[in-house]
Amino acid sequence: MPKKLHLMVACAENRVMGVDQRLPWRIPEDTAYFHAATAGQTIVLGRICYETWPMSHRDGRRCVVVTSHPERVKPGAVAVPTLDAALQRAEALPGDAIYVNGGERIFAAVLALDRPMTLHLTLIHAEVAGDTYFPEWRHLAWRELARRDSADRNYRYTFLTLER
């Protein structure tokens, strides 16, 4: 039986999740949640996400990076050419789950898969300018497992856990 997929993402109401290869907001509570949830896990992510997340190797994370530039991946991470290869490799690594951490094309391909998954979504209640979007997820048959509202001085946001 394949491992359960866990997608970890923060996006605005207009689905923006990035601008100029960075997050368009700074929400310490979300960052702490993300780092705690992915610590010790096998994570699948694209090269740009990998390169822009300096903590990807910390806290026992096992990185599987989808890239056509394996020379840009640091020792200790696994470089693979496709999402299918990444999921196969991640299945062979320790743990009972695979965390998918982006980017846009990786998320779109995973959401299109016909397999169980959990979406850990931090929904920022704002319209934000950006150039990277989380794929539309609302039309899929999700079951809400958890919801927690929060805010900081700049944003209101909701931590959602959805399953299909």
Protein backbone atom coordinates (compact mmCIF):
# COMPACT_ATOMS: atom_id res chain seq x y z
CA MET A 1 0.00 0.00 0.00
CA PRO A 2 1.47 3.39 -0.95
CA LYS A 3 2.37 5.89 1.73
CA LYS A 4 -0.08 8.69 2.38
CA LEU A 5 0.72 11.99 0.71
CA HIS A 6 0.67 15.19 2.77
CA LEU A 7 0.67 18.46 0.85
CA MET A 8 1.94 21.42 2.90
CA VAL A 9 1.11 24.85 1.51
CA ALA A 10 0.24 28.40 2.46
CA CYS A 11 -1.65 30.48 -0.05
CA ALA A 12 -3.78 33.60 -0.23
CA GLU A 13 -7.48 33.61 -1.11
CA ASN A 14 -6.48 34.25 -4.74
CA ARG A 15 -4.25 31.12 -4.55
CA VAL A 16 -0.97 33.11 -4.64
CA MET A 17 1.78 31.26 -2.79
CA GLY A 18 4.90 32.98 -4.11
CA VAL A 19 6.45 36.03 -5.73
CA ASP A 20 9.97 36.25 -7.16
CA GLN A 21 10.82 32.79 -5.72
CA ARG A 22 9.92 33.74 -2.15
CA LEU A 23 6.87 33.85 0.08
CA PRO A 24 4.91 37.09 -0.30
CA TRP A 25 4.35 37.30 3.48
CA ARG A 26 6.13 36.63 6.74
CA ILE A 27 3.94 34.70 9.16
CA PRO A 28 6.10 33.24 11.95
CA GLU A 29 3.29 31.00 13.26
CA ASP A 30 2.90 29.37 9.84
CA THR A 31 6.65 28.99 9.39
CA ALA A 32 6.94 27.27 12.78
CA TYR A 33 4.00 24.98 11.93
CA PHE A 34 5.56 24.06 8.58
CA HIS A 35 8.98 23.30 10.05
CA ALA A 36 7.52 21.23 12.91
CA ALA A 37 5.25 19.23 10.59
CA THR A 38 8.01 18.37 8.12
CA ALA A 39 10.79 17.65 10.66
CA GLY A 40 11.98 14.05 10.37
CA GLN A 41 9.88 13.45 7.26
CA THR A 42 10.55 12.47 3.68
CA ILE A 43 9.76 15.50 1.55
CA VAL A 44 9.30 15.85 -2.20
CA LEU A 45 9.83 19.24 -3.73
CA GLY A 46 10.93 20.95 -6.91
CA ARG A 47 14.39 22.41 -7.33
CA ILE A 48 13.40 26.05 -6.90
CA CYS A 49 11.58 25.31 -3.64
CA TYR A 50 14.58 23.29 -2.53
CA GLU A 51 17.04 26.08 -3.35
CA THR A 52 14.97 28.76 -1.64
CA TRP A 53 14.38 26.76 1.57
CA PRO A 54 17.71 26.70 3.42
CA MET A 55 16.26 24.58 6.27
CA SER A 56 15.24 21.72 3.97
CA HIS A 57 18.13 19.52 5.20
CA ARG A 58 17.70 20.29 8.88
CA ASP A 59 15.73 18.45 11.53
CA GLY A 60 16.09 15.02 9.93
CA ARG A 61 14.26 15.80 6.69
CA ARG A 62 14.95 13.47 3.76
CA CYS A 63 14.76 15.57 0.59
CA VAL A 64 13.79 14.14 -2.79
CA VAL A 65 14.22 16.93 -5.34
CA VAL A 66 12.57 16.89 -8.77
CA THR A 67 15.05 18.58 -11.10
CA SER A 68 16.68 18.52 -14.49
CA HIS A 69 19.79 20.01 -12.81
CA PRO A 70 20.98 17.33 -10.35
CA GLU A 71 24.32 19.10 -9.99
CA ARG A 72 22.52 21.86 -8.04
CA VAL A 73 21.34 19.46 -5.32
CA LYS A 74 23.51 19.22 -2.21
CA PRO A 75 24.90 15.91 -0.96
CA GLY A 76 22.40 14.20 1.28
CA ALA A 77 19.42 15.02 -0.92
CA VAL A 78 18.26 12.80 -3.77
CA ALA A 79 17.85 14.33 -7.23
CA VAL A 80 15.35 12.72 -9.61
CA PRO A 81 14.08 13.83 -13.04
CA THR A 82 10.31 13.36 -12.58
CA LEU A 83 7.58 13.38 -9.98
CA ASP A 84 6.95 9.67 -10.60
CA ALA A 85 10.61 8.94 -9.86
CA ALA A 86 10.42 11.15 -6.75
CA LEU A 87 7.41 9.31 -5.37
CA GLN A 88 9.01 5.92 -6.09
CA ARG A 89 12.19 6.99 -4.32
CA ALA A 90 10.24 8.49 -1.40
CA GLU A 91 8.28 5.24 -1.00
CA ALA A 92 11.59 3.44 -0.38
CA LEU A 93 12.74 5.85 2.34
CA PRO A 94 11.89 5.43 6.05
CA GLY A 95 8.58 6.69 7.40
CA ASP A 96 4.92 6.13 6.69
CA ALA A 97 4.16 9.39 4.86
CA ILE A 98 5.47 11.58 2.07
CA TYR A 99 5.29 15.36 2.45
CA VAL A 100 4.96 17.36 -0.76
CA ASN A 101 6.23 20.92 -0.40
CA GLY A 102 5.87 22.46 -3.88
CA GLY A 103 6.18 24.17 -6.20
CA GLU A 104 3.29 24.96 -8.43
CA ARG A 105 3.79 22.18 -11.02
CA ILE A 106 4.54 19.56 -8.36
CA PHE A 107 1.36 20.47 -6.47
CA ALA A 108 -0.72 20.35 -9.68
CA ALA A 109 0.59 16.91 -10.60
CA VAL A 110 0.06 15.51 -7.10
CA LEU A 111 -3.48 16.88 -6.84
CA ALA A 112 -4.27 15.09 -10.11
CA LEU A 113 -3.23 11.72 -8.66
CA ASP A 114 -5.88 9.23 -7.70
CA ARG A 115 -4.62 8.35 -4.24
CA PRO A 116 -5.35 9.31 -0.65
CA MET A 117 -3.84 12.56 0.50
CA THR A 118 -4.05 15.17 3.20
CA LEU A 119 -3.85 18.87 2.42
CA HIS A 120 -2.38 21.00 5.21
CA LEU A 121 -3.38 24.44 4.00
CA THR A 122 -2.71 27.75 5.64
CA LEU A 123 -5.23 30.00 3.92
CA ILE A 124 -4.28 33.66 4.21
CA HIS A 125 -7.41 35.80 4.11
CA ALA A 126 -6.11 38.39 1.67
CA GLU A 127 -5.64 39.00 -2.03
CA VAL A 128 -1.88 39.06 -2.56
CA ALA A 129 0.17 39.93 -5.64
CA GLY A 130 2.39 37.12 -6.87
CA ASP A 131 3.58 34.97 -9.73
CA THR A 132 3.24 31.46 -8.31
CA TYR A 133 -0.13 29.90 -7.56
CA PHE A 134 -1.43 26.90 -5.70
CA PRO A 135 -3.67 24.94 -8.09
CA GLU A 136 -7.42 25.21 -7.58
CA TRP A 137 -8.30 22.71 -4.87
CA ARG A 138 -11.82 23.69 -3.87
CA HIS A 139 -13.55 21.54 -6.52
CA LEU A 140 -12.01 18.32 -5.20
CA ALA A 141 -13.89 16.12 -2.73
CA TRP A 142 -12.18 17.10 0.53
CA ARG A 143 -13.31 16.22 4.01
CA GLU A 144 -12.35 18.77 6.65
CA LEU A 145 -10.46 17.21 9.55
CA ALA A 146 -9.38 20.33 11.41
CA ARG A 147 -9.67 24.11 11.30
CA ARG A 148 -8.01 26.75 13.44
CA ASP A 149 -8.25 30.50 12.87
CA SER A 150 -5.39 32.78 13.79
CA ALA A 151 -3.95 36.20 13.00
CA ASP A 152 -0.91 38.37 13.34
CA ARG A 153 -0.60 42.14 12.96
CA ASN A 154 -0.67 41.86 9.14
CA TYR A 155 -2.95 38.96 8.23
CA ARG A 156 -5.83 36.80 9.32
CA TYR A 157 -5.38 33.15 8.33
CA THR A 158 -6.83 29.71 8.85
CA PHE A 159 -4.95 26.47 9.34
CA LEU A 160 -6.98 23.80 7.53
CA THR A 161 -6.43 20.06 7.39
CA LEU A 162 -8.37 18.44 4.54
CA GLU A 163 -8.39 14.81 3.43
CA ARG A 164 -9.47 12.89 0.35
